PDB file of N, CA and C in Angstrom:
ATOM      1  N   MET A   1     173.458 170.497 102.663  1.00  0.00           N
ATOM      2  CA  MET A   1     172.497 169.719 101.922  1.00  0.00           C
ATOM      3  C   MET A   1     171.158 170.460 101.920  1.00  0.00           C
ATOM      4  N   LYS A   2     170.559 170.589 100.764  1.00  0.00           N
ATOM      5  CA  LYS A   2     169.297 171.300 100.613  1.00  0.00           C
ATOM      6  C   LYS A   2     168.137 170.413 101.047  1.00  0.00           C
ATOM      7  N   ARG A   3     167.258 170.999 101.827  1.00  0.00           N
ATOM      8  CA  ARG A   3     166.070 170.270 102.249  1.00  0.00           C
ATOM      9  C   ARG A   3     165.002 170.359 101.176  1.00  0.00           C
ATOM     10  N   SER A   4     164.253 169.290 101.060  1.00  0.00           N
ATOM     11  CA  SER A   4     163.172 169.236 100.080  1.00  0.00           C
ATOM     12  C   SER A   4     161.965 170.002 100.610  1.00  0.00           C
ATOM     13  N   SER A   5     161.171 170.524  99.704  1.00  0.00           N
ATOM     14  CA  SER A   5     159.950 171.210 100.118  1.00  0.00           C
ATOM     15  C   SER A   5     158.836 170.215 100.417  1.00  0.00           C
ATOM     16  N   TYR A   6     159.025 168.960 100.033  1.00  0.00           N
ATOM     17  CA  TYR A   6     158.035 167.926 100.301  1.00  0.00           C
ATOM     18  C   TYR A   6     158.340 167.241 101.635  1.00  0.00           C
ATOM     19  N   PRO A   7     157.326 166.926 102.403  1.00  0.00           N
ATOM     20  CA  PRO A   7     157.579 166.238 103.672  1.00  0.00           C
ATOM     21  C   PRO A   7     158.017 164.799 103.432  1.00  0.00           C
ATOM     22  N   ILE A   8     158.831 164.307 104.333  1.00  0.00           N
ATOM     23  CA  ILE A   8     159.289 162.924 104.263  1.00  0.00           C
ATOM     24  C   ILE A   8     158.297 162.066 105.018  1.00  0.00           C
ATOM     25  N   THR A   9     157.790 161.044 104.347  1.00  0.00           N
ATOM     26  CA  THR A   9     156.831 160.144 104.978  1.00  0.00           C
ATOM     27  C   THR A   9     157.584 159.008 105.633  1.00  0.00           C
ATOM     28  N   ARG A  10     157.395 158.863 106.924  1.00  0.00           N
ATOM     29  CA  ARG A  10     158.021 157.769 107.649  1.00  0.00           C
ATOM     30  C   ARG A  10     156.927 156.815 108.070  1.00  0.00           C
ATOM     31  N   VAL A  11     157.157 155.540 107.833  1.00  0.00           N
ATOM     32  CA  VAL A  11     156.174 154.532 108.173  1.00  0.00           C
ATOM     33  C   VAL A  11     156.760 153.580 109.204  1.00  0.00           C
ATOM     34  N   LYS A  12     155.870 152.978 109.993  1.00  0.00           N
ATOM     35  CA  LYS A  12     156.333 152.033 110.997  1.00  0.00           C
ATOM     36  C   LYS A  12     156.935 150.793 110.367  1.00  0.00           C
ATOM     37  N   LYS A  13     156.235 150.263 109.372  1.00  0.00           N
ATOM     38  CA  LYS A  13     156.703 149.043 108.721  1.00  0.00           C
ATOM     39  C   LYS A  13     156.898 149.326 107.237  1.00  0.00           C
ATOM     40  N   PRO A  14     158.121 149.703 106.844  1.00  0.00           N
ATOM     41  CA  PRO A  14     158.354 149.986 105.425  1.00  0.00           C
ATOM     42  C   PRO A  14     158.289 148.707 104.592  1.00  0.00           C
ATOM     43  N   GLU A  15     158.179 148.892 103.305  1.00  0.00           N
ATOM     44  CA  GLU A  15     158.083 147.755 102.390  1.00  0.00           C
ATOM     45  C   GLU A  15     159.390 146.966 102.401  1.00  0.00           C
ATOM     46  N   PRO A  16     159.315 145.653 102.655  1.00  0.00           N
ATOM     47  CA  PRO A  16     160.541 144.847 102.617  1.00  0.00           C
ATOM     48  C   PRO A  16     161.000 144.636 101.186  1.00  0.00           C
ATOM     49  N   ASN A  17     162.210 144.114 101.048  1.00  0.00           N
ATOM     50  CA  ASN A  17     162.766 143.821  99.743  1.00  0.00           C
ATOM     51  C   ASN A  17     161.868 142.807  99.028  1.00  0.00           C
ATOM     52  N   SER A  18     161.562 143.045  97.768  1.00  0.00           N
ATOM     53  CA  SER A  18     160.627 142.170  97.052  1.00  0.00           C
ATOM     54  C   SER A  18     161.179 140.771  96.816  1.00  0.00           C
ATOM     55  N   ASP A  19     162.472 140.569  97.000  1.00  0.00           N
ATOM     56  CA  ASP A  19     163.057 139.237  96.850  1.00  0.00           C
ATOM     57  C   ASP A  19     162.831 138.374  98.082  1.00  0.00           C
ATOM     58  N   SER A  20     162.567 139.001  99.213  1.00  0.00           N
ATOM     59  CA  SER A  20     162.421 138.238 100.451  1.00  0.00           C
ATOM     60  C   SER A  20     161.018 137.645 100.561  1.00  0.00           C
ATOM     61  N   PRO A  21     160.890 136.520 101.278  1.00  0.00           N
ATOM     62  CA  PRO A  21     159.555 135.932 101.472  1.00  0.00           C
ATOM     63  C   PRO A  21     158.647 136.811 102.326  1.00  0.00           C
ATOM     64  N   ASN A  22     159.214 137.718 103.084  1.00  0.00           N
ATOM     65  CA  ASN A  22     158.411 138.623 103.908  1.00  0.00           C
ATOM     66  C   ASN A  22     157.605 139.601 103.057  1.00  0.00           C
ATOM     67  N   TRP A  23     158.030 139.818 101.820  1.00  0.00           N
ATOM     68  CA  TRP A  23     157.302 140.749 100.960  1.00  0.00           C
ATOM     69  C   TRP A  23     155.901 140.230 100.669  1.00  0.00           C
ATOM     70  N   VAL A  24     155.758 138.924 100.458  1.00  0.00           N
ATOM     71  CA  VAL A  24     154.440 138.340 100.163  1.00  0.00           C
ATOM     72  C   VAL A  24     153.508 138.553 101.348  1.00  0.00           C
ATOM     73  N   ILE A  25     154.012 138.343 102.553  1.00  0.00           N
ATOM     74  CA  ILE A  25     153.202 138.539 103.760  1.00  0.00           C
ATOM     75  C   ILE A  25     152.821 140.012 103.899  1.00  0.00           C
ATOM     76  N   TRP A  26     153.782 140.888 103.682  1.00  0.00           N
ATOM     77  CA  TRP A  26     153.530 142.329 103.771  1.00  0.00           C
ATOM     78  C   TRP A  26     152.492 142.757 102.735  1.00  0.00           C
ATOM     79  N   ALA A  27     152.627 142.256 101.511  1.00  0.00           N
ATOM     80  CA  ALA A  27     151.703 142.621 100.442  1.00  0.00           C
ATOM     81  C   ALA A  27     150.311 142.051 100.695  1.00  0.00           C
ATOM     82  N   ALA A  28     150.240 140.852 101.263  1.00  0.00           N
ATOM     83  CA  ALA A  28     148.941 140.251 101.546  1.00  0.00           C
ATOM     84  C   ALA A  28     148.188 141.054 102.610  1.00  0.00           C
ATOM     85  N   TRP A  29     148.894 141.593 103.579  1.00  0.00           N
ATOM     86  CA  TRP A  29     148.255 142.412 104.613  1.00  0.00           C
ATOM     87  C   TRP A  29     147.882 143.790 104.083  1.00  0.00           C
ATOM     88  N   SER A  30     148.608 144.253 103.078  1.00  0.00           N
ATOM     89  CA  SER A  30     148.367 145.589 102.554  1.00  0.00           C
ATOM     90  C   SER A  30     147.050 145.640 101.786  1.00  0.00           C
ATOM     91  N   ASP A  31     146.280 146.690 102.002  1.00  0.00           N
ATOM     92  CA  ASP A  31     144.995 146.836 101.318  1.00  0.00           C
ATOM     93  C   ASP A  31     145.161 147.339  99.889  1.00  0.00           C
ATOM     94  N   ARG A  32     146.246 147.986  99.602  1.00  0.00           N
ATOM     95  CA  ARG A  32     146.427 148.604  98.292  1.00  0.00           C
ATOM     96  C   ARG A  32     147.033 147.665  97.254  1.00  0.00           C
ATOM     97  N   ILE A  33     147.485 146.496  97.665  1.00  0.00           N
ATOM     98  CA  ILE A  33     148.122 145.571  96.734  1.00  0.00           C
ATOM     99  C   ILE A  33     147.178 144.398  96.490  1.00  0.00           C
ATOM    100  N   THR A  34     146.804 144.202  95.246  1.00  0.00           N
ATOM    101  CA  THR A  34     145.860 143.150  94.899  1.00  0.00           C
ATOM    102  C   THR A  34     146.588 141.822  94.712  1.00  0.00           C
ATOM    103  N   PHE A  35     145.812 140.739  94.699  1.00  0.00           N
ATOM    104  CA  PHE A  35     146.400 139.426  94.453  1.00  0.00           C
ATOM    105  C   PHE A  35     147.021 139.353  93.056  1.00  0.00           C
ATOM    106  N   GLU A  36     146.461 140.067  92.112  1.00  0.00           N
ATOM    107  CA  GLU A  36     147.005 140.076  90.760  1.00  0.00           C
ATOM    108  C   GLU A  36     148.392 140.710  90.735  1.00  0.00           C
ATOM    109  N   GLU A  37     148.583 141.789  91.493  1.00  0.00           N
ATOM    110  CA  GLU A  37     149.894 142.427  91.561  1.00  0.00           C
ATOM    111  C   GLU A  37     150.917 141.517  92.239  1.00  0.00           C
ATOM    112  N   ILE A  38     150.481 140.790  93.258  1.00  0.00           N
ATOM    113  CA  ILE A  38     151.376 139.843  93.926  1.00  0.00           C
ATOM    114  C   ILE A  38     151.804 138.768  92.932  1.00  0.00           C
ATOM    115  N   LYS A  39     150.867 138.297  92.120  1.00  0.00           N
ATOM    116  CA  LYS A  39     151.188 137.268  91.135  1.00  0.00           C
ATOM    117  C   LYS A  39     152.152 137.802  90.083  1.00  0.00           C
ATOM    118  N   GLU A  40     151.980 139.052  89.666  1.00  0.00           N
ATOM    119  CA  GLU A  40     152.873 139.646  88.671  1.00  0.00           C
ATOM    120  C   GLU A  40     154.300 139.747  89.188  1.00  0.00           C
ATOM    121  N   ARG A  41     154.457 140.094  90.449  1.00  0.00           N
ATOM    122  CA  ARG A  41     155.801 140.304  91.001  1.00  0.00           C
ATOM    123  C   ARG A  41     156.467 139.029  91.491  1.00  0.00           C
ATOM    124  N   THR A  42     155.676 138.077  92.004  1.00  0.00           N
ATOM    125  CA  THR A  42     156.286 136.892  92.616  1.00  0.00           C
ATOM    126  C   THR A  42     155.890 135.580  91.960  1.00  0.00           C
ATOM    127  N   ARG A  43     154.951 135.619  91.027  1.00  0.00           N
ATOM    128  CA  ARG A  43     154.427 134.415  90.357  1.00  0.00           C
ATOM    129  C   ARG A  43     153.735 133.464  91.328  1.00  0.00           C
ATOM    130  N   LYS A  44     153.191 133.987  92.403  1.00  0.00           N
ATOM    131  CA  LYS A  44     152.447 133.178  93.367  1.00  0.00           C
ATOM    132  C   LYS A  44     150.964 133.505  93.234  1.00  0.00           C
ATOM    133  N   SER A  45     150.160 132.463  93.066  1.00  0.00           N
ATOM    134  CA  SER A  45     148.727 132.657  92.909  1.00  0.00           C
ATOM    135  C   SER A  45     148.093 132.961  94.268  1.00  0.00           C
ATOM    136  N   GLU A  46     146.795 133.232  94.238  1.00  0.00           N
ATOM    137  CA  GLU A  46     146.074 133.512  95.487  1.00  0.00           C
ATOM    138  C   GLU A  46     146.134 132.308  96.427  1.00  0.00           C
ATOM    139  N   LYS A  47     146.016 131.100  95.872  1.00  0.00           N
ATOM    140  CA  LYS A  47     146.103 129.896  96.698  1.00  0.00           C
ATOM    141  C   LYS A  47     147.471 129.775  97.360  1.00  0.00           C
ATOM    142  N   ASP A  48     148.543 130.103  96.619  1.00  0.00           N
ATOM    143  CA  ASP A  48     149.894 130.047  97.178  1.00  0.00           C
ATOM    144  C   ASP A  48     150.058 131.062  98.305  1.00  0.00           C
ATOM    145  N   VAL A  49     149.496 132.250  98.104  1.00  0.00           N
ATOM    146  CA  VAL A  49     149.573 133.293  99.135  1.00  0.00           C
ATOM    147  C   VAL A  49     148.837 132.841 100.395  1.00  0.00           C
ATOM    148  N   ILE A  50     147.682 132.211 100.219  1.00  0.00           N
ATOM    149  CA  ILE A  50     146.924 131.722 101.371  1.00  0.00           C
ATOM    150  C   ILE A  50     147.723 130.666 102.120  1.00  0.00           C
ATOM    151  N   LYS A  51     148.397 129.767 101.384  1.00  0.00           N
ATOM    152  CA  LYS A  51     149.230 128.740 102.025  1.00  0.00           C
ATOM    153  C   LYS A  51     150.375 129.374 102.814  1.00  0.00           C
ATOM    154  N   ILE A  52     151.015 130.377 102.221  1.00  0.00           N
ATOM    155  CA  ILE A  52     152.121 131.073 102.906  1.00  0.00           C
ATOM    156  C   ILE A  52     151.616 131.747 104.170  1.00  0.00           C
ATOM    157  N   MET A  53     150.479 132.404 104.072  1.00  0.00           N
ATOM    158  CA  MET A  53     149.922 133.091 105.233  1.00  0.00           C
ATOM    159  C   MET A  53     149.521 132.094 106.312  1.00  0.00           C
ATOM    160  N   ARG A  54     148.974 130.955 105.923  1.00  0.00           N
ATOM    161  CA  ARG A  54     148.572 129.937 106.894  1.00  0.00           C
ATOM    162  C   ARG A  54     149.782 129.400 107.655  1.00  0.00           C
ATOM    163  N   LYS A  55     150.911 129.213 106.936  1.00  0.00           N
ATOM    164  CA  LYS A  55     152.126 128.690 107.569  1.00  0.00           C
ATOM    165  C   LYS A  55     152.800 129.727 108.465  1.00  0.00           C
ATOM    166  N   SER A  56     152.796 130.974 108.044  1.00  0.00           N
ATOM    167  CA  SER A  56     153.600 131.976 108.737  1.00  0.00           C
ATOM    168  C   SER A  56     152.869 132.711 109.856  1.00  0.00           C
ATOM    169  N   LEU A  57     151.540 132.697 109.846  1.00  0.00           N
ATOM    170  CA  LEU A  57     150.784 133.415 110.872  1.00  0.00           C
ATOM    171  C   LEU A  57     150.270 132.469 111.946  1.00  0.00           C
ATOM    172  N   LYS A  58     149.978 133.038 113.094  1.00  0.00           N
ATOM    173  CA  LYS A  58     149.287 132.280 114.131  1.00  0.00           C
ATOM    174  C   LYS A  58     147.877 131.992 113.645  1.00  0.00           C
ATOM    175  N   ALA A  59     147.246 130.993 114.243  1.00  0.00           N
ATOM    176  CA  ALA A  59     145.920 130.573 113.784  1.00  0.00           C
ATOM    177  C   ALA A  59     144.910 131.713 113.845  1.00  0.00           C
ATOM    178  N   ASN A  60     144.884 132.448 114.941  1.00  0.00           N
ATOM    179  CA  ASN A  60     143.918 133.532 115.085  1.00  0.00           C
ATOM    180  C   ASN A  60     144.218 134.675 114.113  1.00  0.00           C
ATOM    181  N   SER A  61     145.493 134.974 113.899  1.00  0.00           N
ATOM    182  CA  SER A  61     145.865 136.026 112.952  1.00  0.00           C
ATOM    183  C   SER A  61     145.460 135.646 111.543  1.00  0.00           C
ATOM    184  N   PHE A  62     145.630 134.365 111.208  1.00  0.00           N
ATOM    185  CA  PHE A  62     145.227 133.905 109.885  1.00  0.00           C
ATOM    186  C   PHE A  62     143.711 134.039 109.703  1.00  0.00           C
ATOM    187  N   LYS A  63     142.947 133.689 110.732  1.00  0.00           N
ATOM    188  CA  LYS A  63     141.489 133.810 110.658  1.00  0.00           C
ATOM    189  C   LYS A  63     141.076 135.270 110.455  1.00  0.00           C
ATOM    190  N   LEU A  64     141.725 136.167 111.180  1.00  0.00           N
ATOM    191  CA  LEU A  64     141.421 137.591 111.022  1.00  0.00           C
ATOM    192  C   LEU A  64     141.755 138.082 109.618  1.00  0.00           C
ATOM    193  N   TRP A  65     142.902 137.615 109.097  1.00  0.00           N
ATOM    194  CA  TRP A  65     143.306 138.027 107.753  1.00  0.00           C
ATOM    195  C   TRP A  65     142.322 137.518 106.712  1.00  0.00           C
ATOM    196  N   ARG A  66     141.897 136.243 106.823  1.00  0.00           N
ATOM    197  CA  ARG A  66     140.947 135.679 105.870  1.00  0.00           C
ATOM    198  C   ARG A  66     139.607 136.409 105.919  1.00  0.00           C
ATOM    199  N   LYS A  67     139.177 136.728 107.125  1.00  0.00           N
ATOM    200  CA  LYS A  67     137.928 137.472 107.272  1.00  0.00           C
ATOM    201  C   LYS A  67     138.043 138.847 106.622  1.00  0.00           C
ATOM    202  N   ARG A  68     139.180 139.476 106.811  1.00  0.00           N
ATOM    203  CA  ARG A  68     139.419 140.800 106.240  1.00  0.00           C
ATOM    204  C   ARG A  68     139.464 140.737 104.717  1.00  0.00           C
ATOM    205  N   VAL A  69     140.136 139.725 104.173  1.00  0.00           N
ATOM    206  CA  VAL A  69     140.257 139.602 102.722  1.00  0.00           C
ATOM    207  C   VAL A  69     138.907 139.289 102.089  1.00  0.00           C
ATOM    208  N   LYS A  70     138.096 138.460 102.738  1.00  0.00           N
ATOM    209  CA  LYS A  70     136.781 138.130 102.193  1.00  0.00           C
ATOM    210  C   LYS A  70     135.864 139.348 102.186  1.00  0.00           C
ATOM    211  N   ASN A  71     135.899 140.135 103.247  1.00  0.00           N
ATOM    212  CA  ASN A  71     135.008 141.286 103.364  1.00  0.00           C
ATOM    213  C   ASN A  71     135.457 142.462 102.513  1.00  0.00           C
ATOM    214  N   LYS A  72     136.750 142.634 102.359  1.00  0.00           N
ATOM    215  CA  LYS A  72     137.255 143.744 101.560  1.00  0.00           C
ATOM    216  C   LYS A  72     137.328 143.307 100.115  1.00  0.00           C
ATOM    217  N   SER A  73     136.701 144.040  99.262  1.00  0.00           N
ATOM    218  CA  SER A  73     136.678 143.651  97.860  1.00  0.00           C
ATOM    219  C   SER A  73     137.848 144.253  97.096  1.00  0.00           C
ATOM    220  N   ILE A  74     138.765 144.915  97.772  1.00  0.00           N
ATOM    221  CA  ILE A  74     139.846 145.576  97.047  1.00  0.00           C
ATOM    222  C   ILE A  74     141.061 144.682  96.838  1.00  0.00           C
ATOM    223  N   LYS A  75     141.011 143.440  97.306  1.00  0.00           N
ATOM    224  CA  LYS A  75     142.132 142.544  97.096  1.00  0.00           C
ATOM    225  C   LYS A  75     142.123 141.929  95.700  1.00  0.00           C
ATOM    226  N   HIS A  76     141.059 142.155  94.930  1.00  0.00           N
ATOM    227  CA  HIS A  76     140.978 141.696  93.553  1.00  0.00           C
ATOM    228  C   HIS A  76     140.830 142.911  92.654  1.00  0.00           C
ATOM    229  N   ARG A  77     141.591 142.950  91.591  1.00  0.00           N
ATOM    230  CA  ARG A  77     141.675 144.139  90.741  1.00  0.00           C
ATOM    231  C   ARG A  77     140.322 144.555  90.167  1.00  0.00           C
ATOM    232  N   LYS A  78     139.530 143.609  89.671  1.00  0.00           N
ATOM    233  CA  LYS A  78     138.237 143.970  89.081  1.00  0.00           C
ATOM    234  C   LYS A  78     137.316 144.581  90.118  1.00  0.00           C
ATOM    235  N   LYS A  79     137.274 143.977  91.285  1.00  0.00           N
ATOM    236  CA  LYS A  79     136.415 144.500  92.339  1.00  0.00           C
ATOM    237  C   LYS A  79     136.920 145.845  92.834  1.00  0.00           C
ATOM    238  N   PHE A  80     138.241 146.021  92.864  1.00  0.00           N
ATOM    239  CA  PHE A  80     138.818 147.280  93.308  1.00  0.00           C
ATOM    240  C   PHE A  80     138.413 148.408  92.375  1.00  0.00           C
ATOM    241  N   LYS A  81     138.484 148.160  91.085  1.00  0.00           N
ATOM    242  CA  LYS A  81     138.101 149.189  90.124  1.00  0.00           C
ATOM    243  C   LYS A  81     136.621 149.518  90.247  1.00  0.00           C
ATOM    244  N   PHE A  82     135.790 148.495  90.459  1.00  0.00           N
ATOM    245  CA  PHE A  82     134.357 148.707  90.609  1.00  0.00           C
ATOM    246  C   PHE A  82     134.086 149.554  91.854  1.00  0.00           C
ATOM    247  N   ASP A  83     134.758 149.249  92.970  1.00  0.00           N
ATOM    248  CA  ASP A  83     134.566 150.020  94.198  1.00  0.00           C
ATOM    249  C   ASP A  83     134.987 151.474  94.021  1.00  0.00           C
ATOM    250  N   ARG A  84     136.064 151.706  93.297  1.00  0.00           N
ATOM    251  CA  ARG A  84     136.514 153.082  93.072  1.00  0.00           C
ATOM    252  C   ARG A  84     135.459 153.863  92.282  1.00  0.00           C
ATOM    253  N   LYS A  85     134.821 153.192  91.302  1.00  0.00           N
ATOM    254  CA  LYS A  85     133.774 153.863  90.521  1.00  0.00           C
ATOM    255  C   LYS A  85     132.585 154.202  91.413  1.00  0.00           C
ATOM    256  N   GLU A  86     132.220 153.290  92.316  1.00  0.00           N
ATOM    257  CA  GLU A  86     131.112 153.535  93.238  1.00  0.00           C
ATOM    258  C   GLU A  86     131.412 154.726  94.145  1.00  0.00           C
ATOM    259  N   ILE A  87     132.637 154.797  94.625  1.00  0.00           N
ATOM    260  CA  ILE A  87     133.029 155.907  95.503  1.00  0.00           C
ATOM    261  C   ILE A  87     132.938 157.226  94.739  1.00  0.00           C
ATOM    262  N   ARG A  88     133.414 157.230  93.504  1.00  0.00           N
ATOM    263  CA  ARG A  88     133.370 158.455  92.697  1.00  0.00           C
ATOM    264  C   ARG A  88     131.932 158.896  92.436  1.00  0.00           C
ATOM    265  N   ARG A  89     131.047 157.917  92.189  1.00  0.00           N
ATOM    266  CA  ARG A  89     129.640 158.269  91.964  1.00  0.00           C
ATOM    267  C   ARG A  89     129.037 158.918  93.197  1.00  0.00           C
ATOM    268  N   LYS A  90     129.338 158.370  94.350  1.00  0.00           N
ATOM    269  CA  LYS A  90     128.804 158.920  95.591  1.00  0.00           C
ATOM    270  C   LYS A  90     129.326 160.330  95.833  1.00  0.00           C
ATOM    271  N   ILE A  91     130.602 160.555  95.542  1.00  0.00           N
ATOM    272  CA  ILE A  91     131.185 161.878  95.732  1.00  0.00           C
ATOM    273  C   ILE A  91     130.536 162.872  94.771  1.00  0.00           C
ATOM    274  N   ASN A  92     130.368 162.468  93.519  1.00  0.00           N
ATOM    275  CA  ASN A  92     129.776 163.359  92.530  1.00  0.00           C
ATOM    276  C   ASN A  92     128.330 163.696  92.856  1.00  0.00           C
ATOM    277  N   LYS A  93     127.575 162.734  93.366  1.00  0.00           N
ATOM    278  CA  LYS A  93     126.183 162.993  93.756  1.00  0.00           C
ATOM    279  C   LYS A  93     126.126 163.978  94.909  1.00  0.00           C
ATOM    280  N   ASN A  94     127.032 163.858  95.858  1.00  0.00           N
ATOM    281  CA  ASN A  94     127.041 164.753  97.021  1.00  0.00           C
ATOM    282  C   ASN A  94     127.456 166.160  96.656  1.00  0.00           C
ATOM    283  N   ASP A  95     128.240 166.327  95.585  1.00  0.00           N
ATOM    284  CA  ASP A  95     128.670 167.664  95.179  1.00  0.00           C
ATOM    285  C   ASP A  95     127.504 168.511  94.669  1.00  0.00           C
ATOM    286  N   TYR A  96     126.518 167.867  94.069  1.00  0.00           N
ATOM    287  CA  TYR A  96     125.413 168.613  93.481  1.00  0.00           C
ATOM    288  C   TYR A  96     124.251 168.847  94.418  1.00  0.00           C
ATOM    289  N   ILE A  97     124.304 168.264  95.569  1.00  0.00           N
ATOM    290  CA  ILE A  97     123.191 168.414  96.512  1.00  0.00           C
ATOM    291  C   ILE A  97     123.290 169.715  97.262  1.00  0.00           C
TER     292      ILE A  97
END
């Protein structure tokens, strides 16, 4: 068998099957998946995701997750795009200095 020239990425917690209820929890914890993408794949709104997280997590874990989601603006697609533009502007300004 021929080995690939690309490295194989191994992760501790791979993405679960999208049909399972664990996928919503995994996606909610993930920083790269927005609430809009979760709604597209599972038809669950942000309120539904919050209810699922409240039921499935311990109280302290839920509080940490809510704090993280409120502070991180990348869980919403519009804010994520805006943040990416801000990052690009900062990088471009630093290149010319």
